[in-house]
Amino acid sequence: MARPASPTRIFRRGDERGEIDGRGANCNFPLRRGVDDTRYLEVLEEALGLVRRFRPALLVVALGFDTMRGDPTGSFVVTTRGLRAIGVRLGRMGLPTLLVQ
């Protein structure tokens, strides 16, 4: 989704789509500081729609908690309720899932 604490453009650009054989396999969803549960979940639904169209055999999630309200390295304000909603949506994908932190 995003790496909110990074000032570099590599994590903030939305136009990166992959290269050569991977063209079209990469999608970025840059988010502004202060993103809350509602906005995060809206963007997550958009991203999961792309995942569904891709029809993967499994899902690997880079699980970071810097999206959480109060995390000193982040700038989003996702709550524990929002984190649960994220987990529910990922679970509904019905895919074997690996969470990597």
N, C-alpha and C. Protein backbone atom coordinates (compact mmCIF):
# COMPACT_ATOMS: atom_id res chain seq x y z
N MET A 1 0.82 -1.17 0.00
CA MET A 1 0.00 0.00 0.00
C MET A 1 0.87 1.24 0.00
N ALA A 2 1.57 1.47 1.11
CA ALA A 2 2.39 2.67 1.20
C ALA A 2 3.38 2.52 2.32
N ARG A 3 4.41 3.28 2.26
CA ARG A 3 5.34 3.36 3.37
C ARG A 3 5.32 4.82 3.81
N PRO A 4 4.45 5.15 4.74
CA PRO A 4 4.18 6.55 5.05
C PRO A 4 5.34 7.32 5.65
N ALA A 5 6.28 6.66 6.29
CA ALA A 5 7.36 7.39 6.96
C ALA A 5 8.49 7.75 6.01
N SER A 6 8.51 7.17 4.82
CA SER A 6 9.62 7.38 3.91
C SER A 6 9.48 8.69 3.14
N PRO A 7 10.51 9.52 3.17
CA PRO A 7 10.45 10.76 2.40
C PRO A 7 10.84 10.58 0.95
N THR A 8 11.33 9.40 0.59
CA THR A 8 11.80 9.19 -0.78
C THR A 8 10.66 8.92 -1.73
N ARG A 9 10.84 9.30 -2.95
CA ARG A 9 9.77 9.15 -3.93
C ARG A 9 9.53 7.70 -4.32
N ILE A 10 10.49 6.84 -4.06
CA ILE A 10 10.33 5.44 -4.47
C ILE A 10 9.08 4.81 -3.87
N PHE A 11 8.68 5.24 -2.68
CA PHE A 11 7.50 4.68 -2.05
C PHE A 11 6.27 5.55 -2.28
N ARG A 12 6.41 6.66 -2.91
CA ARG A 12 5.30 7.59 -3.04
C ARG A 12 4.72 7.66 -4.45
N ARG A 13 5.38 7.10 -5.42
CA ARG A 13 4.91 7.20 -6.80
C ARG A 13 3.81 6.21 -7.08
N GLY A 14 2.82 6.64 -7.79
CA GLY A 14 1.73 5.77 -8.15
C GLY A 14 1.81 5.24 -9.57
N ASP A 15 2.81 5.70 -10.33
CA ASP A 15 2.87 5.32 -11.74
C ASP A 15 3.78 4.14 -12.03
N GLU A 16 4.40 3.56 -11.04
CA GLU A 16 5.28 2.42 -11.26
C GLU A 16 4.44 1.17 -11.52
N ARG A 17 4.70 0.49 -12.59
CA ARG A 17 3.90 -0.66 -12.99
C ARG A 17 4.72 -1.93 -13.23
N GLY A 18 5.99 -1.92 -12.88
CA GLY A 18 6.86 -3.06 -13.14
C GLY A 18 7.63 -2.86 -14.43
N GLU A 19 8.56 -3.76 -14.68
CA GLU A 19 9.41 -3.64 -15.85
C GLU A 19 9.52 -4.96 -16.60
N ILE A 20 9.81 -4.86 -17.86
CA ILE A 20 10.04 -5.99 -18.78
C ILE A 20 8.92 -7.04 -18.61
N ASP A 21 9.25 -8.29 -18.24
CA ASP A 21 8.23 -9.33 -18.13
C ASP A 21 7.26 -9.09 -16.97
N GLY A 22 7.66 -8.26 -16.03
CA GLY A 22 6.79 -7.95 -14.90
C GLY A 22 5.93 -6.72 -15.12
N ARG A 23 5.98 -6.16 -16.32
CA ARG A 23 5.19 -4.96 -16.62
C ARG A 23 3.71 -5.23 -16.34
N GLY A 24 3.11 -4.37 -15.56
CA GLY A 24 1.70 -4.50 -15.21
C GLY A 24 1.46 -5.31 -13.94
N ALA A 25 2.52 -5.88 -13.38
CA ALA A 25 2.37 -6.72 -12.18
C ALA A 25 2.59 -5.94 -10.90
N ASN A 26 2.94 -4.69 -10.98
CA ASN A 26 3.21 -3.87 -9.80
C ASN A 26 2.23 -2.71 -9.78
N CYS A 27 1.59 -2.51 -8.65
CA CYS A 27 0.68 -1.37 -8.49
C CYS A 27 0.97 -0.72 -7.15
N ASN A 28 1.13 0.56 -7.16
CA ASN A 28 1.34 1.32 -5.93
C ASN A 28 0.11 2.17 -5.66
N PHE A 29 -0.17 2.36 -4.39
CA PHE A 29 -1.31 3.16 -3.97
C PHE A 29 -0.80 4.20 -2.97
N PRO A 30 -0.18 5.27 -3.45
CA PRO A 30 0.32 6.30 -2.52
C PRO A 30 -0.80 6.89 -1.69
N LEU A 31 -0.55 7.02 -0.41
CA LEU A 31 -1.55 7.56 0.52
C LEU A 31 -0.97 8.75 1.26
N ARG A 32 -1.81 9.71 1.54
CA ARG A 32 -1.39 10.91 2.27
C ARG A 32 -1.30 10.64 3.76
N ARG A 33 -0.54 11.49 4.42
CA ARG A 33 -0.46 11.42 5.89
C ARG A 33 -1.86 11.55 6.48
N GLY A 34 -2.07 10.89 7.60
CA GLY A 34 -3.34 11.00 8.29
C GLY A 34 -4.43 10.07 7.78
N VAL A 35 -4.09 9.13 6.90
CA VAL A 35 -5.09 8.20 6.38
C VAL A 35 -5.70 7.43 7.54
N ASP A 36 -7.03 7.38 7.55
CA ASP A 36 -7.76 6.70 8.63
C ASP A 36 -8.30 5.35 8.14
N ASP A 37 -9.04 4.68 9.01
CA ASP A 37 -9.60 3.37 8.68
C ASP A 37 -10.40 3.41 7.38
N THR A 38 -11.28 4.37 7.26
CA THR A 38 -12.18 4.43 6.12
C THR A 38 -11.41 4.51 4.81
N ARG A 39 -10.50 5.44 4.72
CA ARG A 39 -9.74 5.62 3.47
C ARG A 39 -8.83 4.43 3.20
N TYR A 40 -8.17 3.92 4.23
CA TYR A 40 -7.28 2.78 4.05
C TYR A 40 -8.07 1.59 3.50
N LEU A 41 -9.25 1.34 4.05
CA LEU A 41 -10.05 0.21 3.61
C LEU A 41 -10.59 0.41 2.19
N GLU A 42 -10.89 1.64 1.82
CA GLU A 42 -11.31 1.92 0.44
C GLU A 42 -10.21 1.54 -0.54
N VAL A 43 -9.00 1.97 -0.24
CA VAL A 43 -7.87 1.69 -1.13
C VAL A 43 -7.54 0.20 -1.11
N LEU A 44 -7.64 -0.42 0.06
CA LEU A 44 -7.40 -1.86 0.15
C LEU A 44 -8.38 -2.62 -0.75
N GLU A 45 -9.65 -2.24 -0.76
CA GLU A 45 -10.63 -2.89 -1.63
C GLU A 45 -10.24 -2.76 -3.10
N GLU A 46 -9.76 -1.59 -3.47
CA GLU A 46 -9.30 -1.39 -4.85
C GLU A 46 -8.14 -2.33 -5.16
N ALA A 47 -7.19 -2.41 -4.24
CA ALA A 47 -6.02 -3.29 -4.44
C ALA A 47 -6.44 -4.76 -4.50
N LEU A 48 -7.33 -5.16 -3.62
CA LEU A 48 -7.78 -6.55 -3.60
C LEU A 48 -8.55 -6.91 -4.86
N GLY A 49 -9.22 -5.93 -5.45
CA GLY A 49 -9.88 -6.17 -6.74
C GLY A 49 -8.88 -6.55 -7.82
N LEU A 50 -7.74 -5.89 -7.82
CA LEU A 50 -6.68 -6.23 -8.77
C LEU A 50 -6.11 -7.62 -8.48
N VAL A 51 -5.96 -7.92 -7.21
CA VAL A 51 -5.46 -9.25 -6.83
C VAL A 51 -6.44 -10.32 -7.31
N ARG A 52 -7.72 -10.10 -7.12
CA ARG A 52 -8.73 -11.08 -7.56
C ARG A 52 -8.64 -11.32 -9.07
N ARG A 53 -8.46 -10.25 -9.83
CA ARG A 53 -8.36 -10.39 -11.29
C ARG A 53 -7.11 -11.17 -11.69
N PHE A 54 -6.06 -11.03 -10.91
CA PHE A 54 -4.80 -11.73 -11.17
C PHE A 54 -4.95 -13.23 -10.87
N ARG A 55 -5.83 -13.57 -9.93
CA ARG A 55 -6.10 -14.94 -9.52
C ARG A 55 -4.85 -15.68 -9.04
N PRO A 56 -4.21 -15.18 -7.99
CA PRO A 56 -3.00 -15.84 -7.49
C PRO A 56 -3.33 -17.15 -6.76
N ALA A 57 -2.32 -17.98 -6.62
CA ALA A 57 -2.46 -19.23 -5.88
C ALA A 57 -2.30 -19.00 -4.38
N LEU A 58 -1.64 -17.92 -4.02
CA LEU A 58 -1.42 -17.60 -2.62
C LEU A 58 -1.21 -16.11 -2.46
N LEU A 59 -1.22 -15.68 -1.21
CA LEU A 59 -1.08 -14.25 -0.90
C LEU A 59 0.05 -14.10 0.12
N VAL A 60 0.98 -13.21 -0.16
CA VAL A 60 2.05 -12.88 0.79
C VAL A 60 1.82 -11.43 1.20
N VAL A 61 1.70 -11.22 2.51
CA VAL A 61 1.41 -9.89 3.03
C VAL A 61 2.60 -9.41 3.85
N ALA A 62 3.18 -8.29 3.45
CA ALA A 62 4.23 -7.64 4.26
C ALA A 62 3.50 -6.88 5.35
N LEU A 63 3.48 -7.47 6.52
CA LEU A 63 2.70 -6.95 7.63
C LEU A 63 3.51 -5.92 8.40
N GLY A 64 3.12 -4.68 8.25
CA GLY A 64 3.77 -3.60 8.98
C GLY A 64 2.75 -2.91 9.86
N PHE A 65 3.18 -2.48 11.00
CA PHE A 65 2.27 -1.81 11.91
C PHE A 65 2.49 -0.31 11.96
N ASP A 66 3.30 0.20 11.04
CA ASP A 66 3.52 1.65 11.00
C ASP A 66 2.29 2.40 10.48
N THR A 67 1.29 1.68 10.06
CA THR A 67 0.03 2.31 9.67
C THR A 67 -0.85 2.61 10.88
N MET A 68 -0.50 2.06 12.01
CA MET A 68 -1.34 2.17 13.21
C MET A 68 -1.22 3.55 13.87
N ARG A 69 -2.33 4.01 14.38
CA ARG A 69 -2.36 5.27 15.13
C ARG A 69 -1.34 5.17 16.27
N GLY A 70 -0.52 6.19 16.39
CA GLY A 70 0.44 6.26 17.49
C GLY A 70 1.79 5.63 17.20
N ASP A 71 1.95 4.93 16.07
CA ASP A 71 3.26 4.35 15.76
C ASP A 71 4.23 5.48 15.48
N PRO A 72 5.38 5.51 16.16
CA PRO A 72 6.31 6.63 15.98
C PRO A 72 6.97 6.70 14.61
N THR A 73 6.92 5.62 13.83
CA THR A 73 7.55 5.64 12.51
C THR A 73 6.55 5.89 11.39
N GLY A 74 5.28 5.95 11.71
CA GLY A 74 4.26 6.11 10.68
C GLY A 74 3.56 7.44 10.75
N SER A 75 2.67 7.63 9.77
CA SER A 75 1.90 8.88 9.74
C SER A 75 0.43 8.64 9.43
N PHE A 76 0.00 7.37 9.53
CA PHE A 76 -1.40 7.05 9.34
C PHE A 76 -2.07 6.93 10.71
N VAL A 77 -3.38 6.83 10.71
CA VAL A 77 -4.10 6.72 11.98
C VAL A 77 -5.10 5.55 11.95
N VAL A 78 -4.64 4.41 11.44
CA VAL A 78 -5.48 3.22 11.42
C VAL A 78 -5.60 2.71 12.85
N THR A 79 -6.82 2.36 13.25
CA THR A 79 -7.10 1.90 14.61
C THR A 79 -7.04 0.37 14.67
N THR A 80 -7.16 -0.17 15.88
CA THR A 80 -7.22 -1.62 16.02
C THR A 80 -8.46 -2.17 15.33
N ARG A 81 -9.55 -1.43 15.35
CA ARG A 81 -10.76 -1.83 14.63
C ARG A 81 -10.47 -1.89 13.12
N GLY A 82 -9.74 -0.91 12.61
CA GLY A 82 -9.37 -0.90 11.20
C GLY A 82 -8.45 -2.07 10.86
N LEU A 83 -7.52 -2.37 11.75
CA LEU A 83 -6.60 -3.49 11.51
C LEU A 83 -7.38 -4.80 11.44
N ARG A 84 -8.36 -4.95 12.30
CA ARG A 84 -9.20 -6.15 12.27
C ARG A 84 -9.95 -6.22 10.94
N ALA A 85 -10.49 -5.10 10.49
CA ALA A 85 -11.22 -5.07 9.22
C ALA A 85 -10.30 -5.44 8.05
N ILE A 86 -9.06 -5.01 8.12
CA ILE A 86 -8.07 -5.38 7.09
C ILE A 86 -7.90 -6.90 7.09
N GLY A 87 -7.73 -7.48 8.28
CA GLY A 87 -7.57 -8.92 8.39
C GLY A 87 -8.78 -9.69 7.87
N VAL A 88 -9.97 -9.19 8.16
CA VAL A 88 -11.19 -9.83 7.67
C VAL A 88 -11.20 -9.82 6.14
N ARG A 89 -10.87 -8.70 5.55
CA ARG A 89 -10.88 -8.61 4.08
C ARG A 89 -9.83 -9.53 3.46
N LEU A 90 -8.66 -9.60 4.06
CA LEU A 90 -7.63 -10.50 3.55
C LEU A 90 -8.09 -11.95 3.68
N GLY A 91 -8.71 -12.29 4.80
CA GLY A 91 -9.22 -13.64 5.00
C GLY A 91 -10.29 -14.02 4.00
N ARG A 92 -11.11 -13.06 3.61
CA ARG A 92 -12.18 -13.32 2.65
C ARG A 92 -11.65 -13.66 1.26
N MET A 93 -10.38 -13.37 1.04
CA MET A 93 -9.80 -13.72 -0.26
C MET A 93 -9.79 -15.24 -0.45
N GLY A 94 -9.79 -15.98 0.66
CA GLY A 94 -9.84 -17.44 0.58
C GLY A 94 -8.56 -18.05 0.04
N LEU A 95 -7.45 -17.37 0.21
CA LEU A 95 -6.17 -17.85 -0.30
C LEU A 95 -5.26 -18.27 0.84
N PRO A 96 -4.39 -19.26 0.60
CA PRO A 96 -3.34 -19.51 1.57
C PRO A 96 -2.55 -18.20 1.72
N THR A 97 -2.31 -17.78 2.96
CA THR A 97 -1.70 -16.48 3.18
C THR A 97 -0.51 -16.57 4.10
N LEU A 98 0.58 -15.93 3.71
CA LEU A 98 1.78 -15.84 4.53
C LEU A 98 1.91 -14.39 4.97
N LEU A 99 1.96 -14.16 6.29
CA LEU A 99 2.20 -12.83 6.83
C LEU A 99 3.66 -12.72 7.20
N VAL A 100 4.34 -11.73 6.66
CA VAL A 100 5.76 -11.52 6.92
C VAL A 100 5.92 -10.17 7.58
N GLN A 101 6.60 -10.16 8.71
CA GLN A 101 6.82 -8.87 9.37
C GLN A 101 8.28 -8.50 9.32
